[in-house]
Amino acid sequence: MKAILRLSAIGLLFTGSVDLVAVNGYYDVVSMTLNVARVKAPAGAETPFKQAGE
């Protein structure tokens, strides 16, 4: 019984890790696409960080 619980816990950790990597990869792709396209913030919106070149 303990072996089954141990294996199921390892399976859940692996699934969570894969999900975390997938979400991180998606965020990277979106952020790089917006960076290459030089998308600016909407007019009047404050940016949380100082922009390069300003």
PDB file of N, CA and C in Angstrom:
ATOM      1  N   MET A   1       0.831  -1.198   0.000  1.00  0.00           N
ATOM      2  CA  MET A   1       0.000   0.000   0.000  1.00  0.00           C
ATOM      3  C   MET A   1       0.875   1.261   0.000  1.00  0.00           C
ATOM      4  N   LYS A   2       1.934   1.268   0.808  1.00  0.00           N
ATOM      5  CA  LYS A   2       2.813   2.435   0.864  1.00  0.00           C
ATOM      6  C   LYS A   2       3.502   2.662  -0.471  1.00  0.00           C
ATOM      7  N   ALA A   3       3.831   1.562  -1.161  1.00  0.00           N
ATOM      8  CA  ALA A   3       4.488   1.686  -2.470  1.00  0.00           C
ATOM      9  C   ALA A   3       3.556   2.345  -3.477  1.00  0.00           C
ATOM     10  N   ILE A   4       2.285   1.993  -3.428  1.00  0.00           N
ATOM     11  CA  ILE A   4       1.308   2.590  -4.350  1.00  0.00           C
ATOM     12  C   ILE A   4       1.161   4.085  -4.062  1.00  0.00           C
ATOM     13  N   LEU A   5       1.093   4.443  -2.804  1.00  0.00           N
ATOM     14  CA  LEU A   5       0.984   5.863  -2.449  1.00  0.00           C
ATOM     15  C   LEU A   5       2.228   6.636  -2.874  1.00  0.00           C
ATOM     16  N   ARG A   6       3.388   6.022  -2.699  1.00  0.00           N
ATOM     17  CA  ARG A   6       4.645   6.659  -3.083  1.00  0.00           C
ATOM     18  C   ARG A   6       4.681   6.872  -4.604  1.00  0.00           C
ATOM     19  N   LEU A   7       4.282   5.877  -5.363  1.00  0.00           N
ATOM     20  CA  LEU A   7       4.276   5.996  -6.825  1.00  0.00           C
ATOM     21  C   LEU A   7       3.264   7.043  -7.297  1.00  0.00           C
ATOM     22  N   SER A   8       2.110   7.103  -6.657  1.00  0.00           N
ATOM     23  CA  SER A   8       1.115   8.095  -7.054  1.00  0.00           C
ATOM     24  C   SER A   8       1.599   9.507  -6.718  1.00  0.00           C
ATOM     25  N   ALA A   9       2.307   9.660  -5.607  1.00  0.00           N
ATOM     26  CA  ALA A   9       2.853  10.972  -5.257  1.00  0.00           C
ATOM     27  C   ALA A   9       3.914  11.402  -6.266  1.00  0.00           C
ATOM     28  N   ILE A  10       4.744  10.467  -6.699  1.00  0.00           N
ATOM     29  CA  ILE A  10       5.762  10.775  -7.701  1.00  0.00           C
ATOM     30  C   ILE A  10       5.083  11.159  -9.009  1.00  0.00           C
ATOM     31  N   GLY A  11       4.024  10.461  -9.363  1.00  0.00           N
ATOM     32  CA  GLY A  11       3.279  10.781 -10.584  1.00  0.00           C
ATOM     33  C   GLY A  11       2.679  12.177 -10.530  1.00  0.00           C
ATOM     34  N   LEU A  12       2.138  12.565  -9.378  1.00  0.00           N
ATOM     35  CA  LEU A  12       1.569  13.907  -9.236  1.00  0.00           C
ATOM     36  C   LEU A  12       2.640  14.979  -9.317  1.00  0.00           C
ATOM     37  N   LEU A  13       3.808  14.712  -8.727  1.00  0.00           N
ATOM     38  CA  LEU A  13       4.900  15.675  -8.803  1.00  0.00           C
ATOM     39  C   LEU A  13       5.365  15.843 -10.241  1.00  0.00           C
ATOM     40  N   PHE A  14       5.441  14.743 -10.988  1.00  0.00           N
ATOM     41  CA  PHE A  14       5.870  14.813 -12.378  1.00  0.00           C
ATOM     42  C   PHE A  14       4.855  15.588 -13.208  1.00  0.00           C
ATOM     43  N   THR A  15       3.569  15.320 -13.005  1.00  0.00           N
ATOM     44  CA  THR A  15       2.524  16.026 -13.745  1.00  0.00           C
ATOM     45  C   THR A  15       2.558  17.515 -13.428  1.00  0.00           C
ATOM     46  N   GLY A  16       2.728  17.868 -12.179  1.00  0.00           N
ATOM     47  CA  GLY A  16       2.808  19.281 -11.798  1.00  0.00           C
ATOM     48  C   GLY A  16       4.022  19.956 -12.405  1.00  0.00           C
ATOM     49  N   SER A  17       5.122  19.246 -12.476  1.00  0.00           N
ATOM     50  CA  SER A  17       6.337  19.808 -13.068  1.00  0.00           C
ATOM     51  C   SER A  17       6.150  20.056 -14.552  1.00  0.00           C
ATOM     52  N   VAL A  18       5.529  19.118 -15.243  1.00  0.00           N
ATOM     53  CA  VAL A  18       5.286  19.281 -16.675  1.00  0.00           C
ATOM     54  C   VAL A  18       4.355  20.468 -16.913  1.00  0.00           C
ATOM     55  N   ASP A  19       3.322  20.605 -16.113  1.00  0.00           N
ATOM     56  CA  ASP A  19       2.401  21.731 -16.249  1.00  0.00           C
ATOM     57  C   ASP A  19       3.124  23.055 -16.014  1.00  0.00           C
ATOM     58  N   LEU A  20       3.982  23.095 -15.018  1.00  0.00           N
ATOM     59  CA  LEU A  20       4.724  24.311 -14.708  1.00  0.00           C
ATOM     60  C   LEU A  20       5.653  24.696 -15.856  1.00  0.00           C
ATOM     61  N   VAL A  21       6.334  23.725 -16.435  1.00  0.00           N
ATOM     62  CA  VAL A  21       7.223  23.993 -17.570  1.00  0.00           C
ATOM     63  C   VAL A  21       6.410  24.458 -18.772  1.00  0.00           C
ATOM     64  N   ALA A  22       5.258  23.867 -19.004  1.00  0.00           N
ATOM     65  CA  ALA A  22       4.419  24.253 -20.138  1.00  0.00           C
ATOM     66  C   ALA A  22       3.921  25.687 -19.993  1.00  0.00           C
ATOM     67  N   VAL A  23       3.464  26.061 -18.816  1.00  0.00           N
ATOM     68  CA  VAL A  23       2.984  27.429 -18.593  1.00  0.00           C
ATOM     69  C   VAL A  23       4.137  28.421 -18.743  1.00  0.00           C
ATOM     70  N   ASN A  24       5.295  28.072 -18.225  1.00  0.00           N
ATOM     71  CA  ASN A  24       6.458  28.942 -18.342  1.00  0.00           C
ATOM     72  C   ASN A  24       6.857  29.117 -19.807  1.00  0.00           C
ATOM     73  N   GLY A  25       6.828  28.044 -20.574  1.00  0.00           N
ATOM     74  CA  GLY A  25       7.152  28.119 -21.993  1.00  0.00           C
ATOM     75  C   GLY A  25       6.172  28.996 -22.753  1.00  0.00           C
ATOM     76  N   TYR A  26       4.888  28.864 -22.434  1.00  0.00           N
ATOM     77  CA  TYR A  26       3.873  29.684 -23.096  1.00  0.00           C
ATOM     78  C   TYR A  26       4.090  31.159 -22.768  1.00  0.00           C
ATOM     79  N   TYR A  27       4.364  31.470 -21.521  1.00  0.00           N
ATOM     80  CA  TYR A  27       4.621  32.854 -21.122  1.00  0.00           C
ATOM     81  C   TYR A  27       5.839  33.401 -21.862  1.00  0.00           C
ATOM     82  N   ASP A  28       6.886  32.597 -21.976  1.00  0.00           N
ATOM     83  CA  ASP A  28       8.092  33.037 -22.694  1.00  0.00           C
ATOM     84  C   ASP A  28       7.790  33.359 -24.154  1.00  0.00           C
ATOM     85  N   VAL A  29       7.029  32.495 -24.810  1.00  0.00           N
ATOM     86  CA  VAL A  29       6.704  32.716 -26.222  1.00  0.00           C
ATOM     87  C   VAL A  29       5.885  33.997 -26.392  1.00  0.00           C
ATOM     88  N   VAL A  30       4.896  34.200 -25.549  1.00  0.00           N
ATOM     89  CA  VAL A  30       4.069  35.408 -25.650  1.00  0.00           C
ATOM     90  C   VAL A  30       4.901  36.653 -25.378  1.00  0.00           C
ATOM     91  N   SER A  31       5.740  36.627 -24.346  1.00  0.00           N
ATOM     92  CA  SER A  31       6.532  37.802 -24.015  1.00  0.00           C
ATOM     93  C   SER A  31       7.555  38.113 -25.103  1.00  0.00           C
ATOM     94  N   MET A  32       8.169  37.090 -25.691  1.00  0.00           N
ATOM     95  CA  MET A  32       9.132  37.333 -26.771  1.00  0.00           C
ATOM     96  C   MET A  32       8.441  37.862 -28.020  1.00  0.00           C
ATOM     97  N   THR A  33       7.239  37.363 -28.306  1.00  0.00           N
ATOM     98  CA  THR A  33       6.481  37.853 -29.466  1.00  0.00           C
ATOM     99  C   THR A  33       6.127  39.322 -29.286  1.00  0.00           C
ATOM    100  N   LEU A  34       5.662  39.689 -28.103  1.00  0.00           N
ATOM    101  CA  LEU A  34       5.326  41.089 -27.843  1.00  0.00           C
ATOM    102  C   LEU A  34       6.578  41.966 -27.883  1.00  0.00           C
ATOM    103  N   ASN A  35       7.692  41.443 -27.431  1.00  0.00           N
ATOM    104  CA  ASN A  35       8.940  42.198 -27.442  1.00  0.00           C
ATOM    105  C   ASN A  35       9.420  42.440 -28.872  1.00  0.00           C
ATOM    106  N   VAL A  36       9.371  41.424 -29.707  1.00  0.00           N
ATOM    107  CA  VAL A  36       9.818  41.557 -31.092  1.00  0.00           C
ATOM    108  C   VAL A  36       8.893  42.497 -31.863  1.00  0.00           C
ATOM    109  N   ALA A  37       7.593  42.421 -31.591  1.00  0.00           N
ATOM    110  CA  ALA A  37       6.628  43.280 -32.276  1.00  0.00           C
ATOM    111  C   ALA A  37       6.641  44.704 -31.713  1.00  0.00           C
ATOM    112  N   ARG A  38       7.383  44.913 -30.641  1.00  0.00           N
ATOM    113  CA  ARG A  38       7.481  46.218 -29.973  1.00  0.00           C
ATOM    114  C   ARG A  38       6.101  46.790 -29.619  1.00  0.00           C
ATOM    115  N   VAL A  39       5.296  45.959 -28.995  1.00  0.00           N
ATOM    116  CA  VAL A  39       3.959  46.367 -28.564  1.00  0.00           C
ATOM    117  C   VAL A  39       4.105  47.270 -27.351  1.00  0.00           C
ATOM    118  N   LYS A  40       3.469  48.427 -27.407  1.00  0.00           N
ATOM    119  CA  LYS A  40       3.536  49.371 -26.281  1.00  0.00           C
ATOM    120  C   LYS A  40       2.303  49.241 -25.400  1.00  0.00           C
ATOM    121  N   ALA A  41       2.422  49.752 -24.201  1.00  0.00           N
ATOM    122  CA  ALA A  41       1.286  49.759 -23.281  1.00  0.00           C
ATOM    123  C   ALA A  41       0.212  50.700 -23.811  1.00  0.00           C
ATOM    124  N   PRO A  42      -1.044  50.478 -23.444  1.00  0.00           N
ATOM    125  CA  PRO A  42      -2.112  51.372 -23.887  1.00  0.00           C
ATOM    126  C   PRO A  42      -1.852  52.809 -23.422  1.00  0.00           C
ATOM    127  N   ALA A  43      -2.415  53.773 -24.145  1.00  0.00           N
ATOM    128  CA  ALA A  43      -2.242  55.185 -23.809  1.00  0.00           C
ATOM    129  C   ALA A  43      -2.768  55.459 -22.403  1.00  0.00           C
ATOM    130  N   GLY A  44      -1.975  56.139 -21.616  1.00  0.00           N
ATOM    131  CA  GLY A  44      -2.378  56.508 -20.264  1.00  0.00           C
ATOM    132  C   GLY A  44      -2.067  55.453 -19.219  1.00  0.00           C
ATOM    133  N   ALA A  45      -1.637  54.276 -19.632  1.00  0.00           N
ATOM    134  CA  ALA A  45      -1.319  53.213 -18.665  1.00  0.00           C
ATOM    135  C   ALA A  45       0.104  53.423 -18.141  1.00  0.00           C
ATOM    136  N   GLU A  46       0.269  53.217 -16.843  1.00  0.00           N
ATOM    137  CA  GLU A  46       1.582  53.333 -16.254  1.00  0.00           C
ATOM    138  C   GLU A  46       2.328  52.015 -16.425  1.00  0.00           C
ATOM    139  N   THR A  47       3.598  52.106 -16.781  1.00  0.00           N
ATOM    140  CA  THR A  47       4.408  50.891 -16.883  1.00  0.00           C
ATOM    141  C   THR A  47       5.116  50.679 -15.542  1.00  0.00           C
ATOM    142  N   PRO A  48       5.200  49.428 -15.099  1.00  0.00           N
ATOM    143  CA  PRO A  48       5.802  49.169 -13.794  1.00  0.00           C
ATOM    144  C   PRO A  48       7.306  49.349 -13.755  1.00  0.00           C
ATOM    145  N   PHE A  49       7.945  49.341 -14.928  1.00  0.00           N
ATOM    146  CA  PHE A  49       9.407  49.463 -14.982  1.00  0.00           C
ATOM    147  C   PHE A  49       9.793  50.571 -15.941  1.00  0.00           C
ATOM    148  N   LYS A  50      10.968  51.130 -15.727  1.00  0.00           N
ATOM    149  CA  LYS A  50      11.478  52.143 -16.627  1.00  0.00           C
ATOM    150  C   LYS A  50      11.802  51.488 -17.968  1.00  0.00           C
ATOM    151  N   GLN A  51      11.356  52.089 -19.052  1.00  0.00           N
ATOM    152  CA  GLN A  51      11.578  51.541 -20.370  1.00  0.00           C
ATOM    153  C   GLN A  51      12.972  51.900 -20.868  1.00  0.00           C
ATOM    154  N   ALA A  52      13.595  51.007 -21.596  1.00  0.00           N
ATOM    155  CA  ALA A  52      14.926  51.239 -22.131  1.00  0.00           C
ATOM    156  C   ALA A  52      14.883  52.397 -23.123  1.00  0.00           C
ATOM    157  N   GLY A  53      15.868  53.254 -23.061  1.00  0.00           N
ATOM    158  CA  GLY A  53      15.953  54.371 -23.995  1.00  0.00           C
ATOM    159  C   GLY A  53      15.161  55.585 -23.593  1.00  0.00           C
ATOM    160  N   GLU A  54      14.529  55.557 -22.454  1.00  0.00           N
ATOM    161  CA  GLU A  54      13.744  56.744 -22.024  1.00  0.00           C
ATOM    162  C   GLU A  54      14.467  57.487 -20.935  1.00  0.00           C
TER     163      GLU A  54
END
